[in-house]
């Protein structure tokens, strides 16, 4: 399956640009793409992965930042390959 399109994710504005991009990417993958394969899975693992990869400063609020972030929209198309 291939997705071509855009996913918009709103994250807390106090994050650095690199942490915001990392969090948005992981949320998009965990909440949208990964759930097509296993609807019960990936959020707990993704939160942990984000906390491991984000800056030291962002680790303090990683779980809170995850919970405050939300997917704003998805547009595009899916192609089964």
N, C-alpha and C. Protein backbone atom coordinates (compact mmCIF):
# COMPACT_ATOMS: atom_id res chain seq x y z
N UNK A 1 0.85 -1.16 0.00
CA UNK A 1 0.00 0.00 0.00
C UNK A 1 0.90 1.22 0.00
N UNK A 2 0.52 2.21 -0.77
CA UNK A 2 1.28 3.43 -0.86
C UNK A 2 0.37 4.63 -0.63
N UNK A 3 0.81 5.56 0.19
CA UNK A 3 0.06 6.78 0.45
C UNK A 3 0.80 7.95 -0.17
N UNK A 4 0.08 8.75 -0.92
CA UNK A 4 0.62 9.99 -1.45
C UNK A 4 -0.29 11.11 -1.00
N UNK A 5 0.23 12.04 -0.25
CA UNK A 5 -0.61 13.12 0.23
C UNK A 5 0.03 13.88 1.37
N UNK A 6 -0.80 14.51 2.17
CA UNK A 6 -0.35 15.37 3.26
C UNK A 6 -1.08 15.01 4.54
N UNK A 7 -0.33 15.00 5.63
CA UNK A 7 -0.90 14.82 6.96
C UNK A 7 -0.52 16.05 7.77
N UNK A 8 -1.49 16.73 8.35
CA UNK A 8 -1.23 17.90 9.18
C UNK A 8 -1.38 17.53 10.64
N UNK A 9 -0.37 17.85 11.44
CA UNK A 9 -0.37 17.52 12.86
C UNK A 9 -0.06 18.80 13.64
N UNK A 10 -0.88 19.10 14.62
CA UNK A 10 -0.64 20.26 15.49
C UNK A 10 0.08 19.77 16.74
N UNK A 11 1.22 20.39 17.04
CA UNK A 11 2.01 20.02 18.22
C UNK A 11 2.19 21.26 19.09
N UNK A 12 2.56 21.10 20.35
CA UNK A 12 2.76 22.26 21.22
C UNK A 12 3.81 23.22 20.64
N UNK A 13 3.52 24.51 20.67
CA UNK A 13 4.41 25.49 20.04
C UNK A 13 5.67 25.78 20.85
N UNK A 14 5.80 25.26 22.03
CA UNK A 14 6.99 25.48 22.82
C UNK A 14 8.14 24.55 22.44
N UNK A 15 7.86 23.56 21.57
CA UNK A 15 8.90 22.62 21.14
C UNK A 15 9.83 23.28 20.13
N UNK A 16 11.07 22.83 20.11
CA UNK A 16 12.00 23.29 19.08
C UNK A 16 11.51 22.77 17.73
N UNK A 17 12.01 23.33 16.65
CA UNK A 17 11.59 22.90 15.32
C UNK A 17 11.90 21.43 15.10
N UNK A 18 13.08 20.99 15.52
CA UNK A 18 13.44 19.58 15.30
C UNK A 18 12.56 18.64 16.12
N UNK A 19 12.27 19.00 17.38
CA UNK A 19 11.39 18.15 18.20
C UNK A 19 9.97 18.18 17.66
N UNK A 20 9.50 19.32 17.18
CA UNK A 20 8.15 19.41 16.62
C UNK A 20 8.01 18.54 15.39
N UNK A 21 9.01 18.57 14.52
CA UNK A 21 8.97 17.73 13.31
C UNK A 21 9.01 16.25 13.67
N UNK A 22 9.86 15.89 14.63
CA UNK A 22 9.96 14.50 15.06
C UNK A 22 8.64 14.03 15.65
N UNK A 23 8.05 14.83 16.53
CA UNK A 23 6.78 14.46 17.16
C UNK A 23 5.67 14.34 16.11
N UNK A 24 5.58 15.29 15.20
CA UNK A 24 4.54 15.24 14.17
C UNK A 24 4.70 14.01 13.28
N UNK A 25 5.92 13.69 12.93
CA UNK A 25 6.16 12.51 12.10
C UNK A 25 5.74 11.23 12.82
N UNK A 26 6.13 11.10 14.07
CA UNK A 26 5.81 9.89 14.83
C UNK A 26 4.31 9.77 15.09
N UNK A 27 3.64 10.89 15.33
CA UNK A 27 2.19 10.85 15.53
C UNK A 27 1.49 10.43 14.23
N UNK A 28 1.92 11.01 13.12
CA UNK A 28 1.30 10.64 11.84
C UNK A 28 1.46 9.16 11.57
N UNK A 29 2.64 8.64 11.80
CA UNK A 29 2.87 7.21 11.56
C UNK A 29 2.10 6.33 12.53
N UNK A 30 2.07 6.71 13.80
CA UNK A 30 1.41 5.88 14.81
C UNK A 30 -0.10 5.93 14.72
N UNK A 31 -0.66 7.11 14.51
CA UNK A 31 -2.12 7.25 14.56
C UNK A 31 -2.80 7.00 13.23
N UNK A 32 -2.10 7.14 12.15
CA UNK A 32 -2.75 6.99 10.85
C UNK A 32 -2.23 5.79 10.10
N UNK A 33 -0.98 5.82 9.73
CA UNK A 33 -0.45 4.77 8.86
C UNK A 33 -0.32 3.42 9.56
N UNK A 34 0.28 3.41 10.74
CA UNK A 34 0.49 2.14 11.43
C UNK A 34 -0.80 1.48 11.85
N UNK A 35 -1.83 2.26 12.15
CA UNK A 35 -3.08 1.66 12.61
C UNK A 35 -3.83 0.94 11.51
N UNK A 36 -3.47 1.18 10.25
CA UNK A 36 -4.11 0.41 9.18
C UNK A 36 -3.65 -1.04 9.23
N UNK A 37 -2.47 -1.28 9.78
CA UNK A 37 -1.94 -2.63 9.88
C UNK A 37 -2.33 -3.29 11.20
N UNK A 38 -2.36 -2.55 12.28
CA UNK A 38 -2.66 -3.11 13.59
C UNK A 38 -3.35 -2.03 14.43
N UNK A 39 -4.67 -1.97 14.41
CA UNK A 39 -5.38 -0.87 15.05
C UNK A 39 -5.16 -0.74 16.55
N UNK A 40 -4.72 -1.78 17.22
CA UNK A 40 -4.56 -1.72 18.66
C UNK A 40 -3.15 -1.35 19.09
N UNK A 41 -2.23 -1.20 18.17
CA UNK A 41 -0.82 -1.18 18.52
C UNK A 41 -0.18 0.14 18.86
N UNK A 42 0.23 0.92 17.94
CA UNK A 42 1.55 1.52 18.03
C UNK A 42 1.73 2.75 18.92
N UNK A 43 0.71 3.30 19.51
CA UNK A 43 0.91 4.56 20.22
C UNK A 43 1.87 4.44 21.40
N UNK A 44 1.75 3.43 22.23
CA UNK A 44 2.64 3.32 23.39
C UNK A 44 4.09 3.21 22.96
N UNK A 45 4.36 2.40 21.96
CA UNK A 45 5.72 2.26 21.46
C UNK A 45 6.21 3.55 20.84
N UNK A 46 5.33 4.24 20.11
CA UNK A 46 5.73 5.48 19.44
C UNK A 46 6.04 6.58 20.44
N UNK A 47 5.27 6.67 21.52
CA UNK A 47 5.56 7.67 22.56
C UNK A 47 6.94 7.40 23.15
N UNK A 48 7.22 6.16 23.43
CA UNK A 48 8.52 5.79 23.99
C UNK A 48 9.64 6.10 23.00
N UNK A 49 9.43 5.79 21.73
CA UNK A 49 10.44 6.08 20.70
C UNK A 49 10.68 7.59 20.59
N UNK A 50 9.60 8.37 20.64
CA UNK A 50 9.75 9.82 20.59
C UNK A 50 10.57 10.31 21.78
N UNK A 51 10.26 9.83 22.96
CA UNK A 51 10.99 10.24 24.17
C UNK A 51 12.47 9.88 24.07
N UNK A 52 12.78 8.77 23.42
CA UNK A 52 14.18 8.36 23.25
C UNK A 52 14.92 9.24 22.25
N UNK A 53 14.21 9.74 21.23
CA UNK A 53 14.86 10.44 20.13
C UNK A 53 14.81 11.96 20.23
N UNK A 54 13.90 12.51 21.01
CA UNK A 54 13.78 13.97 21.09
C UNK A 54 14.92 14.56 21.92
N UNK A 55 14.98 15.88 21.96
CA UNK A 55 16.02 16.55 22.73
C UNK A 55 15.86 16.26 24.22
N UNK A 56 16.93 16.47 24.95
CA UNK A 56 16.90 16.23 26.39
C UNK A 56 15.83 17.09 27.06
N UNK A 57 15.69 18.33 26.63
CA UNK A 57 14.69 19.24 27.18
C UNK A 57 13.27 18.72 26.95
N UNK A 58 12.98 18.20 25.76
CA UNK A 58 11.63 17.73 25.42
C UNK A 58 11.28 16.41 26.10
N UNK A 59 12.28 15.66 26.54
CA UNK A 59 12.00 14.38 27.21
C UNK A 59 11.18 14.56 28.48
N UNK A 60 11.36 15.69 29.13
CA UNK A 60 10.66 15.95 30.38
C UNK A 60 9.14 15.99 30.21
N UNK A 61 8.69 16.39 29.03
CA UNK A 61 7.25 16.52 28.78
C UNK A 61 6.79 15.70 27.57
N UNK A 62 7.56 14.69 27.19
CA UNK A 62 7.27 13.93 25.97
C UNK A 62 5.85 13.34 25.95
N UNK A 63 5.45 12.71 27.02
CA UNK A 63 4.12 12.10 27.05
C UNK A 63 3.02 13.16 27.03
N UNK A 64 3.22 14.24 27.75
CA UNK A 64 2.26 15.34 27.77
C UNK A 64 2.17 15.99 26.38
N UNK A 65 3.31 16.19 25.74
CA UNK A 65 3.31 16.77 24.39
C UNK A 65 2.58 15.87 23.41
N UNK A 66 2.78 14.57 23.54
CA UNK A 66 2.09 13.62 22.67
C UNK A 66 0.58 13.75 22.85
N UNK A 67 0.14 13.79 24.10
CA UNK A 67 -1.29 13.86 24.39
C UNK A 67 -1.91 15.17 23.92
N UNK A 68 -1.14 16.26 23.90
CA UNK A 68 -1.67 17.56 23.49
C UNK A 68 -1.66 17.74 21.97
N UNK A 69 -0.96 16.88 21.26
CA UNK A 69 -0.88 16.99 19.81
C UNK A 69 -2.06 16.27 19.16
N UNK A 70 -2.45 16.77 18.00
CA UNK A 70 -3.56 16.12 17.31
C UNK A 70 -3.40 16.22 15.80
N UNK A 71 -3.91 15.22 15.14
CA UNK A 71 -3.91 15.22 13.68
C UNK A 71 -5.00 16.18 13.22
N UNK A 72 -4.61 17.14 12.41
CA UNK A 72 -5.54 18.17 11.93
C UNK A 72 -6.23 17.75 10.65
N UNK A 73 -5.60 16.94 9.86
CA UNK A 73 -6.22 16.53 8.61
C UNK A 73 -5.31 15.61 7.81
N UNK A 74 -5.93 14.82 6.97
CA UNK A 74 -5.22 13.91 6.07
C UNK A 74 -5.84 14.08 4.70
N UNK A 75 -5.01 14.31 3.71
CA UNK A 75 -5.52 14.38 2.35
C UNK A 75 -4.55 13.67 1.43
N UNK A 76 -5.06 12.98 0.48
CA UNK A 76 -4.20 12.25 -0.44
C UNK A 76 -4.92 11.02 -0.95
N UNK A 77 -4.12 10.07 -1.41
CA UNK A 77 -4.73 8.85 -1.95
C UNK A 77 -3.92 7.64 -1.55
N UNK A 78 -4.62 6.52 -1.43
CA UNK A 78 -4.01 5.23 -1.12
C UNK A 78 -4.00 4.39 -2.38
N UNK A 79 -2.90 3.73 -2.63
CA UNK A 79 -2.79 2.82 -3.77
C UNK A 79 -2.33 1.47 -3.24
N UNK A 80 -3.05 0.42 -3.57
CA UNK A 80 -2.63 -0.93 -3.19
C UNK A 80 -1.65 -1.43 -4.23
N UNK A 81 -0.46 -1.83 -3.76
CA UNK A 81 0.56 -2.28 -4.69
C UNK A 81 0.77 -3.77 -4.60
